Every structure is written in structure tokens, then in C-alpha cells.
């Protein structure tokens, strides 16, 4: 939540970690994924879930078989491009995805696209979007 603010409240800079790899590091300088403590509570409380770099605004299934999606950048982290991936049922693991059915890279200034190459026969397929850093690294795929 703090990373989604362009200017976090300066009071948060006073909170510093002790007894960890982030000793004497301000809480607003720690990557959000390292602030997670209780997975069960995070799963049940939307306010505690990790904030994705990018979120879908709309996903529409078109009569001609296409899928129209629009998205927005949700964080102030380094997002230079977008990686859109279609994952088959069961292909996402905690460490990433095993295999994708389809992938496409979109430039940063693109915020929507219509896809006609999505497999119709793949039940349970998921369209996912991830931010890519300016160095070309894909940010983690969040559930």
C-alpha cells in the first residue's frame, strides 16, 4: 500500500527494521514482498494482500471470439513494458509458471489490446499481466 503512493507519509520513514536483513532500513524502502508475515491472514484480508504492479480494468469476451482487456499501472515501481501471458489450467506454481500457452509483450504506453489467439479449447486458461522493468526483467506474477 505504501509503494502505491507517489509520496508516502514521511512518518513511515521513522519505522525501521531490527534483527533482519533489513536492519536500520526504513519500512518504506523495503520491497513489499518482504513485508508479508501471515499468509493465512493475507489470503482472507484483501488489505494485506501484495499489491500487483498492474491490474486489469476490464476484460470483455467478444462475440467474434476475441478477448478485449484494458489495464492500468497500480504501483510507482519500475514498470517499462507489460508481459501478457495465457496460462493453462494448473500451470501456475508458487515459483512462477511451468509453461504458457501464449505470450505477448506490450510497450508501456499501451493500456489495452484485443486478443484473437487465445485457445478456445483450454478450459481454465487465465490471462495474466505482469510489469516488466526497464532492464527487461519480469516482475513476479501474483495470484
C-alpha atoms as a PDB file:
ATOM      1  CA  UNK A   1       0.000   0.000   0.000  1.00  0.00           C
ATOM      2  CA  UNK A   2       2.783   2.447   0.805  1.00  0.00           C
ATOM      3  CA  UNK A   3       4.500   1.719  -2.511  1.00  0.00           C
ATOM      4  CA  UNK A   4       1.369   2.713  -4.409  1.00  0.00           C
ATOM      5  CA  UNK A   5       1.657   6.282  -3.108  1.00  0.00           C
ATOM      6  CA  UNK A   6       3.825   8.703  -5.057  1.00  0.00           C
ATOM      7  CA  UNK A   7       4.814  10.394  -1.821  1.00  0.00           C
ATOM      8  CA  UNK A   8       4.449   8.112   1.221  1.00  0.00           C
ATOM      9  CA  UNK A   9       3.706   9.787   4.536  1.00  0.00           C
ATOM     10  CA  UNK A  10       7.116  10.863   5.948  1.00  0.00           C
ATOM     11  CA  UNK A  11       6.155   9.377   9.316  1.00  0.00           C
ATOM     12  CA  UNK A  12       6.639   5.887   7.840  1.00  0.00           C
ATOM     13  CA  UNK A  13      10.324   6.650   7.225  1.00  0.00           C
ATOM     14  CA  UNK A  14      10.825   6.688  11.002  1.00  0.00           C
ATOM     15  CA  UNK A  15       9.887   2.997  11.283  1.00  0.00           C
ATOM     16  CA  UNK A  16      12.988   0.872  10.833  1.00  0.00           C
ATOM     17  CA  UNK A  17      13.542  -2.866  10.918  1.00  0.00           C
ATOM     18  CA  UNK A  18      15.622  -4.536  13.587  1.00  0.00           C
ATOM     19  CA  UNK A  19      17.140  -8.028  13.669  1.00  0.00           C
ATOM     20  CA  UNK A  20      16.708  -8.851   9.994  1.00  0.00           C
ATOM     21  CA  UNK A  21      18.489  -8.482   6.677  1.00  0.00           C
ATOM     22  CA  UNK A  22      16.872  -5.029   6.524  1.00  0.00           C
ATOM     23  CA  UNK A  23      18.247  -3.770   9.860  1.00  0.00           C
ATOM     24  CA  UNK A  24      18.137   0.046  10.020  1.00  0.00           C
ATOM     25  CA  UNK A  25      16.228   0.202   6.730  1.00  0.00           C
ATOM     26  CA  UNK A  26      13.128   2.374   6.606  1.00  0.00           C
ATOM     27  CA  UNK A  27       9.942   0.375   6.162  1.00  0.00           C
ATOM     28  CA  UNK A  28       9.068   2.341   3.002  1.00  0.00           C
ATOM     29  CA  UNK A  29      12.368   1.256   1.418  1.00  0.00           C
ATOM     30  CA  UNK A  30      11.691  -2.471   1.855  1.00  0.00           C
ATOM     31  CA  UNK A  31      10.146  -4.325  -1.101  1.00  0.00           C
ATOM     32  CA  UNK A  32       6.547  -5.193  -0.317  1.00  0.00           C
ATOM     33  CA  UNK A  33       7.060  -8.940  -0.755  1.00  0.00           C
ATOM     34  CA  UNK A  34       9.343  -8.920   2.311  1.00  0.00           C
ATOM     35  CA  UNK A  35       6.674  -7.322   4.491  1.00  0.00           C
ATOM     36  CA  UNK A  36       4.351 -10.343   4.286  1.00  0.00           C
ATOM     37  CA  UNK A  37       4.131 -12.258   7.550  1.00  0.00           C
ATOM     38  CA  UNK A  38       0.978 -14.345   7.844  1.00  0.00           C
ATOM     39  CA  UNK A  39      -0.161 -15.955   4.585  1.00  0.00           C
ATOM     40  CA  UNK A  40      -3.462 -17.188   6.034  1.00  0.00           C
ATOM     41  CA  UNK A  41      -4.461 -13.718   7.188  1.00  0.00           C
ATOM     42  CA  UNK A  42      -3.274 -12.187   3.892  1.00  0.00           C
ATOM     43  CA  UNK A  43      -5.451 -14.590   1.919  1.00  0.00           C
ATOM     44  CA  UNK A  44      -8.514 -13.639   3.952  1.00  0.00           C
ATOM     45  CA  UNK A  45      -7.905  -9.876   4.223  1.00  0.00           C
ATOM     46  CA  UNK A  46      -7.696  -8.003   0.915  1.00  0.00           C
ATOM     47  CA  UNK A  47      -5.988  -5.050   2.620  1.00  0.00           C
ATOM     48  CA  UNK A  48      -2.984  -7.266   3.471  1.00  0.00           C
ATOM     49  CA  UNK A  49      -2.506  -8.848   0.043  1.00  0.00           C
ATOM     50  CA  UNK A  50       0.524  -7.906  -2.056  1.00  0.00           C
ATOM     51  CA  UNK A  51      -0.170  -5.096  -4.483  1.00  0.00           C
ATOM     52  CA  UNK A  52       0.371  -6.061  -8.118  1.00  0.00           C
ATOM     53  CA  UNK A  53       2.283  -3.713 -10.429  1.00  0.00           C
ATOM     54  CA  UNK A  54      -0.527  -3.854 -12.961  1.00  0.00           C
ATOM     55  CA  UNK A  55      -4.260  -4.543 -12.655  1.00  0.00           C
ATOM     56  CA  UNK A  56      -6.926  -5.268 -15.213  1.00  0.00           C
ATOM     57  CA  UNK A  57      -9.529  -2.538 -15.516  1.00  0.00           C
ATOM     58  CA  UNK A  58     -11.865  -4.537 -17.794  1.00  0.00           C
ATOM     59  CA  UNK A  59     -11.856  -7.881 -19.564  1.00  0.00           C
ATOM     60  CA  UNK A  60     -14.596  -8.409 -22.160  1.00  0.00           C
ATOM     61  CA  UNK A  61     -15.296 -11.543 -24.182  1.00  0.00           C
ATOM     62  CA  UNK A  62     -16.318 -10.501 -27.684  1.00  0.00           C
ATOM     63  CA  UNK A  63     -18.902 -12.204 -29.901  1.00  0.00           C
ATOM     64  CA  UNK A  64     -16.258 -12.833 -32.575  1.00  0.00           C
ATOM     65  CA  UNK A  65     -14.181 -14.917 -30.137  1.00  0.00           C
ATOM     66  CA  UNK A  66     -11.729 -12.211 -29.134  1.00  0.00           C
ATOM     67  CA  UNK A  67     -10.926 -11.008 -25.655  1.00  0.00           C
ATOM     68  CA  UNK A  68     -10.629  -7.249 -25.101  1.00  0.00           C
ATOM     69  CA  UNK A  69      -8.714  -6.198 -21.998  1.00  0.00           C
ATOM     70  CA  UNK A  70      -7.679  -2.863 -20.550  1.00  0.00           C
ATOM     71  CA  UNK A  71      -5.264  -2.387 -17.652  1.00  0.00           C
ATOM     72  CA  UNK A  72      -3.576   0.256 -15.530  1.00  0.00           C
ATOM     73  CA  UNK A  73      -0.319   0.615 -13.620  1.00  0.00           C
ATOM     74  CA  UNK A  74      -1.046   0.216  -9.932  1.00  0.00           C
ATOM     75  CA  UNK A  75       2.365   0.971  -8.389  1.00  0.00           C
ATOM     76  CA  UNK A  76       5.135   3.527  -8.629  1.00  0.00           C
ATOM     77  CA  UNK A  77       7.768   0.799  -9.109  1.00  0.00           C
ATOM     78  CA  UNK A  78       9.813   0.406 -12.298  1.00  0.00           C
ATOM     79  CA  UNK A  79       7.350  -0.712 -14.990  1.00  0.00           C
ATOM     80  CA  UNK A  80       8.634  -0.182 -18.523  1.00  0.00           C
ATOM     81  CA  UNK A  81       6.574  -2.696 -20.510  1.00  0.00           C
ATOM     82  CA  UNK A  82       3.878  -5.303 -19.960  1.00  0.00           C
ATOM     83  CA  UNK A  83       4.065  -9.041 -20.412  1.00  0.00           C
ATOM     84  CA  UNK A  84       0.718 -10.659 -21.131  1.00  0.00           C
ATOM     85  CA  UNK A  85       0.614 -14.413 -20.633  1.00  0.00           C
ATOM     86  CA  UNK A  86      -2.088 -17.039 -21.029  1.00  0.00           C
ATOM     87  CA  UNK A  87      -1.545 -19.840 -18.542  1.00  0.00           C
ATOM     88  CA  UNK A  88      -3.196 -23.218 -18.858  1.00  0.00           C
ATOM     89  CA  UNK A  89      -5.130 -24.750 -16.011  1.00  0.00           C
ATOM     90  CA  UNK A  90      -2.647 -25.739 -13.288  1.00  0.00           C
ATOM     91  CA  UNK A  91       0.371 -24.164 -14.979  1.00  0.00           C
ATOM     92  CA  UNK A  92       0.977 -21.528 -12.273  1.00  0.00           C
ATOM     93  CA  UNK A  93       3.083 -22.505  -9.279  1.00  0.00           C
ATOM     94  CA  UNK A  94       4.397 -20.514  -6.340  1.00  0.00           C
ATOM     95  CA  UNK A  95       7.744 -20.157  -8.152  1.00  0.00           C
ATOM     96  CA  UNK A  96       6.207 -18.914 -11.391  1.00  0.00           C
ATOM     97  CA  UNK A  97       4.631 -20.695 -14.302  1.00  0.00           C
ATOM     98  CA  UNK A  98       5.610 -24.025 -15.791  1.00  0.00           C
ATOM     99  CA  UNK A  99       4.524 -23.206 -19.302  1.00  0.00           C
ATOM    100  CA  UNK A 100       2.479 -20.614 -21.071  1.00  0.00           C
ATOM    101  CA  UNK A 101       0.040 -21.205 -23.891  1.00  0.00           C
ATOM    102  CA  UNK A 102       0.606 -17.753 -25.354  1.00  0.00           C
ATOM    103  CA  UNK A 103       2.677 -14.641 -24.549  1.00  0.00           C
ATOM    104  CA  UNK A 104       2.916 -11.086 -25.814  1.00  0.00           C
ATOM    105  CA  UNK A 105       4.993  -8.060 -24.797  1.00  0.00           C
ATOM    106  CA  UNK A 106       3.238  -4.682 -24.907  1.00  0.00           C
ATOM    107  CA  UNK A 107       5.008  -1.298 -24.676  1.00  0.00           C
ATOM    108  CA  UNK A 108       4.453   0.906 -21.632  1.00  0.00           C
ATOM    109  CA  UNK A 109       2.171   3.367 -23.432  1.00  0.00           C
ATOM    110  CA  UNK A 110      -0.266   0.576 -24.379  1.00  0.00           C
ATOM    111  CA  UNK A 111      -3.119   0.098 -21.927  1.00  0.00           C
ATOM    112  CA  UNK A 112      -5.438  -2.168 -23.902  1.00  0.00           C
ATOM    113  CA  UNK A 113      -5.450  -4.883 -26.525  1.00  0.00           C
ATOM    114  CA  UNK A 114      -7.774  -7.363 -28.193  1.00  0.00           C
ATOM    115  CA  UNK A 115      -6.577 -10.940 -28.422  1.00  0.00           C
ATOM    116  CA  UNK A 116      -7.781 -13.415 -31.005  1.00  0.00           C
ATOM    117  CA  UNK A 117      -5.126 -16.063 -30.478  1.00  0.00           C
ATOM    118  CA  UNK A 118      -6.380 -17.340 -27.132  1.00  0.00           C
ATOM    119  CA  UNK A 119      -7.139 -21.075 -27.217  1.00  0.00           C
ATOM    120  CA  UNK A 120     -10.855 -21.805 -27.070  1.00  0.00           C
ATOM    121  CA  UNK A 121     -10.341 -25.445 -26.085  1.00  0.00           C
ATOM    122  CA  UNK A 122      -8.254 -24.714 -22.981  1.00  0.00           C
ATOM    123  CA  UNK A 123     -10.663 -24.845 -20.048  1.00  0.00           C
ATOM    124  CA  UNK A 124      -9.470 -22.881 -17.048  1.00  0.00           C
ATOM    125  CA  UNK A 125      -6.923 -20.819 -19.007  1.00  0.00           C
ATOM    126  CA  UNK A 126      -6.041 -17.497 -17.382  1.00  0.00           C
ATOM    127  CA  UNK A 127      -4.934 -14.234 -18.950  1.00  0.00           C
ATOM    128  CA  UNK A 128      -2.280 -12.674 -16.704  1.00  0.00           C
ATOM    129  CA  UNK A 129      -0.401  -9.393 -16.957  1.00  0.00           C
ATOM    130  CA  UNK A 130       2.919  -8.553 -15.349  1.00  0.00           C
ATOM    131  CA  UNK A 131       5.046  -5.458 -15.282  1.00  0.00           C
ATOM    132  CA  UNK A 132       8.487  -5.620 -16.859  1.00  0.00           C
ATOM    133  CA  UNK A 133      11.316  -3.494 -15.520  1.00  0.00           C
ATOM    134  CA  UNK A 134      13.342  -1.139 -17.697  1.00  0.00           C
ATOM    135  CA  UNK A 135      16.064  -3.824 -17.647  1.00  0.00           C
ATOM    136  CA  UNK A 136      13.653  -6.346 -19.182  1.00  0.00           C
ATOM    137  CA  UNK A 137      13.056  -8.397 -16.042  1.00  0.00           C
ATOM    138  CA  UNK A 138       9.530  -9.639 -15.455  1.00  0.00           C
ATOM    139  CA  UNK A 139       8.164  -8.740 -12.060  1.00  0.00           C
ATOM    140  CA  UNK A 140       6.629 -11.655 -10.113  1.00  0.00           C
ATOM    141  CA  UNK A 141       3.241 -12.996 -11.067  1.00  0.00           C
ATOM    142  CA  UNK A 142       0.899 -12.579  -8.128  1.00  0.00           C
ATOM    143  CA  UNK A 143      -2.087 -14.898  -7.588  1.00  0.00           C
END
